[in-house]
N, C-alpha and C. Protein backbone atom coordinates (compact mmCIF):
# COMPACT_ATOMS: atom_id res chain seq x y z
N UNK A 1 67.86 93.36 80.58
CA UNK A 1 67.99 94.05 81.84
C UNK A 1 68.86 93.25 82.81
N UNK A 2 68.69 91.93 82.81
CA UNK A 2 69.44 91.08 83.72
C UNK A 2 70.94 91.18 83.46
N UNK A 3 71.34 91.24 82.17
CA UNK A 3 72.76 91.33 81.84
C UNK A 3 73.35 92.66 82.28
N UNK A 4 72.62 93.74 82.18
CA UNK A 4 73.16 95.04 82.58
C UNK A 4 73.38 95.10 84.09
N UNK A 5 72.51 94.51 84.87
CA UNK A 5 72.70 94.46 86.33
C UNK A 5 73.92 93.60 86.66
N UNK A 6 74.06 92.47 85.98
CA UNK A 6 75.20 91.59 86.21
C UNK A 6 76.50 92.31 85.86
N UNK A 7 76.52 93.01 84.73
CA UNK A 7 77.71 93.75 84.32
C UNK A 7 78.05 94.83 85.33
N UNK A 8 77.05 95.54 85.81
CA UNK A 8 77.27 96.58 86.82
C UNK A 8 77.89 95.98 88.08
N UNK A 9 77.38 94.85 88.54
CA UNK A 9 77.92 94.22 89.75
C UNK A 9 79.36 93.76 89.55
N UNK A 10 79.69 93.25 88.38
CA UNK A 10 81.06 92.84 88.09
C UNK A 10 81.99 94.05 88.13
N UNK A 11 81.59 95.15 87.49
CA UNK A 11 82.42 96.35 87.49
C UNK A 11 82.58 96.92 88.89
N UNK A 12 81.52 96.91 89.66
CA UNK A 12 81.57 97.41 91.03
C UNK A 12 82.50 96.55 91.87
N UNK A 13 82.42 95.25 91.74
CA UNK A 13 83.26 94.33 92.50
C UNK A 13 84.72 94.48 92.10
N UNK A 14 85.01 94.67 90.82
CA UNK A 14 86.40 94.80 90.39
C UNK A 14 87.03 96.06 90.96
N UNK A 15 86.27 97.12 91.13
CA UNK A 15 86.81 98.34 91.70
C UNK A 15 87.09 98.20 93.19
N UNK A 16 86.36 97.35 93.88
CA UNK A 16 86.59 97.13 95.31
C UNK A 16 87.96 96.52 95.55
N UNK A 17 88.44 95.73 94.63
CA UNK A 17 89.70 95.03 94.80
C UNK A 17 90.88 95.73 94.13
N UNK A 18 90.70 96.98 93.75
CA UNK A 18 91.79 97.73 93.12
C UNK A 18 92.65 98.40 94.19
N UNK A 19 93.91 98.62 93.86
CA UNK A 19 94.84 99.35 94.73
C UNK A 19 94.81 100.80 94.27
N UNK A 20 94.22 101.66 95.06
CA UNK A 20 94.03 103.06 94.70
C UNK A 20 95.31 103.85 94.92
N UNK A 21 95.56 104.82 94.05
CA UNK A 21 96.75 105.65 94.17
C UNK A 21 96.58 106.98 93.48
N UNK A 22 97.70 107.68 93.32
CA UNK A 22 97.69 109.03 92.79
C UNK A 22 99.02 109.32 92.10
N UNK A 23 98.95 110.03 90.99
CA UNK A 23 100.15 110.50 90.30
C UNK A 23 100.24 111.99 90.57
N UNK A 24 101.09 112.40 91.54
CA UNK A 24 101.14 113.81 91.92
C UNK A 24 101.67 114.73 90.82
N UNK A 25 102.55 114.26 89.95
CA UNK A 25 103.09 115.10 88.89
C UNK A 25 102.02 115.47 87.86
N UNK A 26 101.19 114.48 87.50
CA UNK A 26 100.12 114.73 86.52
C UNK A 26 98.78 115.07 87.18
N UNK A 27 98.75 115.04 88.52
CA UNK A 27 97.55 115.39 89.28
C UNK A 27 96.36 114.50 88.90
N UNK A 28 96.61 113.16 88.86
CA UNK A 28 95.55 112.24 88.45
C UNK A 28 95.41 111.08 89.43
N UNK A 29 94.18 110.73 89.80
CA UNK A 29 93.95 109.52 90.57
C UNK A 29 94.02 108.30 89.65
N UNK A 30 94.43 107.16 90.21
CA UNK A 30 94.56 105.96 89.40
C UNK A 30 94.35 104.73 90.26
N UNK A 31 94.31 103.58 89.60
CA UNK A 31 94.15 102.31 90.31
C UNK A 31 94.89 101.22 89.57
N UNK A 32 95.40 100.28 90.35
CA UNK A 32 95.99 99.07 89.81
C UNK A 32 95.05 97.94 90.21
N UNK A 33 94.48 97.28 89.22
CA UNK A 33 93.50 96.22 89.48
C UNK A 33 94.13 95.01 90.15
N UNK A 34 93.30 94.30 90.91
CA UNK A 34 93.72 93.06 91.54
C UNK A 34 94.22 92.10 90.45
N UNK A 35 95.24 91.35 90.78
CA UNK A 35 95.79 90.38 89.84
C UNK A 35 97.09 90.86 89.20
N UNK A 36 97.40 92.15 89.34
CA UNK A 36 98.67 92.68 88.84
C UNK A 36 99.73 92.49 89.90
N UNK A 37 100.83 91.86 89.55
CA UNK A 37 101.94 91.66 90.48
C UNK A 37 102.85 92.88 90.42
N UNK A 38 102.77 93.71 91.45
CA UNK A 38 103.53 94.97 91.46
C UNK A 38 104.90 94.70 92.07
N UNK A 39 105.82 94.29 91.22
CA UNK A 39 107.20 93.98 91.60
C UNK A 39 108.12 94.55 90.53
N UNK A 40 109.32 94.92 90.92
CA UNK A 40 110.30 95.44 89.98
C UNK A 40 110.49 94.48 88.81
N UNK A 41 110.42 95.03 87.60
CA UNK A 41 110.60 94.22 86.39
C UNK A 41 109.31 93.67 85.81
N UNK A 42 108.20 93.79 86.52
CA UNK A 42 106.92 93.26 86.04
C UNK A 42 106.19 94.28 85.17
N UNK A 43 105.44 93.80 84.20
CA UNK A 43 104.55 94.65 83.39
C UNK A 43 103.16 94.58 84.00
N UNK A 44 102.52 95.73 84.20
CA UNK A 44 101.18 95.78 84.78
C UNK A 44 100.32 96.77 84.00
N UNK A 45 99.03 96.77 84.29
CA UNK A 45 98.08 97.72 83.73
C UNK A 45 97.58 98.61 84.86
N UNK A 46 97.51 99.91 84.60
CA UNK A 46 96.90 100.80 85.58
C UNK A 46 95.81 101.61 84.91
N UNK A 47 94.78 101.92 85.69
CA UNK A 47 93.63 102.68 85.19
C UNK A 47 93.78 104.12 85.62
N UNK A 48 93.81 105.03 84.65
CA UNK A 48 93.86 106.46 84.90
C UNK A 48 92.41 106.95 84.99
N UNK A 49 91.97 107.31 86.19
CA UNK A 49 90.58 107.72 86.38
C UNK A 49 90.24 109.01 85.64
N UNK A 50 91.22 109.88 85.40
CA UNK A 50 90.92 111.16 84.74
C UNK A 50 90.54 110.97 83.27
N UNK A 51 91.07 109.92 82.63
CA UNK A 51 90.75 109.67 81.23
C UNK A 51 89.89 108.42 81.05
N UNK A 52 89.86 107.55 82.07
CA UNK A 52 89.13 106.29 81.97
C UNK A 52 89.87 105.26 81.13
N UNK A 53 91.15 105.49 80.84
CA UNK A 53 91.93 104.59 80.00
C UNK A 53 92.94 103.80 80.82
N UNK A 54 93.21 102.58 80.34
CA UNK A 54 94.26 101.76 80.94
C UNK A 54 95.59 102.09 80.29
N UNK A 55 96.66 102.03 81.08
CA UNK A 55 98.01 102.26 80.60
C UNK A 55 98.86 101.03 80.89
N UNK A 56 99.64 100.60 79.90
CA UNK A 56 100.59 99.51 80.09
C UNK A 56 101.88 100.12 80.62
N UNK A 57 102.34 99.61 81.78
CA UNK A 57 103.54 100.16 82.39
C UNK A 57 104.45 99.04 82.86
N UNK A 58 105.75 99.33 82.94
CA UNK A 58 106.73 98.43 83.56
C UNK A 58 107.08 99.00 84.92
N UNK A 59 107.12 98.15 85.94
CA UNK A 59 107.49 98.58 87.28
C UNK A 59 109.01 98.68 87.36
N UNK A 60 109.52 99.87 87.64
CA UNK A 60 110.95 100.11 87.77
C UNK A 60 111.43 99.92 89.20
N UNK A 61 110.64 100.41 90.18
CA UNK A 61 111.01 100.25 91.59
C UNK A 61 109.76 100.38 92.46
N UNK A 62 109.85 99.80 93.66
CA UNK A 62 108.78 99.88 94.66
C UNK A 62 109.45 100.20 95.99
N UNK A 63 108.98 101.29 96.64
CA UNK A 63 109.57 101.71 97.93
C UNK A 63 108.47 102.07 98.91
N UNK A 64 108.66 101.65 100.17
CA UNK A 64 107.77 102.05 101.25
C UNK A 64 108.23 103.40 101.77
N UNK A 65 107.33 104.37 101.82
CA UNK A 65 107.63 105.69 102.35
C UNK A 65 106.51 106.07 103.30
N UNK A 66 106.83 106.07 104.60
CA UNK A 66 105.80 106.37 105.58
C UNK A 66 104.67 105.36 105.50
N UNK A 67 103.44 105.85 105.38
CA UNK A 67 102.27 104.97 105.31
C UNK A 67 101.85 104.64 103.91
N UNK A 68 102.63 105.02 102.90
CA UNK A 68 102.25 104.73 101.53
C UNK A 68 103.40 104.02 100.80
N UNK A 69 103.12 103.64 99.59
CA UNK A 69 104.11 102.96 98.75
C UNK A 69 104.33 103.79 97.50
N UNK A 70 105.59 104.05 97.19
CA UNK A 70 105.95 104.77 95.97
C UNK A 70 106.33 103.74 94.91
N UNK A 71 105.66 103.81 93.77
CA UNK A 71 105.93 102.89 92.67
C UNK A 71 106.38 103.71 91.47
N UNK A 72 107.62 103.48 91.02
CA UNK A 72 108.11 104.15 89.82
C UNK A 72 107.85 103.22 88.64
N UNK A 73 107.24 103.76 87.59
CA UNK A 73 106.89 102.95 86.42
C UNK A 73 107.33 103.67 85.15
N UNK A 74 107.48 102.89 84.08
CA UNK A 74 107.65 103.44 82.74
C UNK A 74 106.34 103.21 82.01
N UNK A 75 105.70 104.29 81.56
CA UNK A 75 104.40 104.24 80.90
C UNK A 75 104.61 104.15 79.39
N UNK A 76 104.24 103.01 78.79
CA UNK A 76 104.40 102.82 77.35
C UNK A 76 103.46 103.70 76.55
N UNK A 77 102.31 104.08 77.12
CA UNK A 77 101.35 104.92 76.41
C UNK A 77 101.89 106.34 76.21
N UNK A 78 102.63 106.86 77.20
CA UNK A 78 103.13 108.23 77.12
C UNK A 78 104.63 108.28 76.81
N UNK A 79 105.34 107.18 77.01
CA UNK A 79 106.78 107.15 76.81
C UNK A 79 107.54 107.84 77.93
N UNK A 80 106.92 107.96 79.10
CA UNK A 80 107.51 108.67 80.23
C UNK A 80 107.58 107.80 81.48
N UNK A 81 108.51 108.17 82.36
CA UNK A 81 108.55 107.57 83.69
C UNK A 81 107.57 108.31 84.57
N UNK A 82 106.88 107.57 85.45
CA UNK A 82 105.93 108.17 86.39
C UNK A 82 106.22 107.65 87.79
N UNK A 83 106.01 108.49 88.79
CA UNK A 83 106.11 108.07 90.19
C UNK A 83 104.70 108.08 90.75
N UNK A 84 104.24 106.94 91.22
CA UNK A 84 102.89 106.78 91.73
C UNK A 84 102.91 106.69 93.25
N UNK A 85 102.01 107.40 93.90
CA UNK A 85 101.85 107.32 95.35
C UNK A 85 100.65 106.42 95.61
N UNK A 86 100.92 105.19 96.00
CA UNK A 86 99.86 104.20 96.20
C UNK A 86 99.52 104.09 97.69
N UNK A 87 98.24 104.07 97.96
CA UNK A 87 97.80 103.87 99.34
C UNK A 87 97.45 105.14 100.06
N UNK A 88 97.01 106.16 99.33
CA UNK A 88 96.61 107.39 100.00
C UNK A 88 95.21 107.26 100.55
């Protein structure tokens, strides 16, 4: 029982430090966990909340638009480019 409570607290804490966002084309909420350096040319992991799966992506560009950040990535899992709206 003690381990399950500890695991739950770790998972809860890791979600607090995630950068929440949205993929408007695929209509899916997502998150980039703390520790990922979101810079052009970097490889990062993002969590797709609709499937519960992590995706390996390369950051192609990062742009500030209004009060949010647009991150263009190449998703190795799908073989497609995605535009993410981070900070909604």
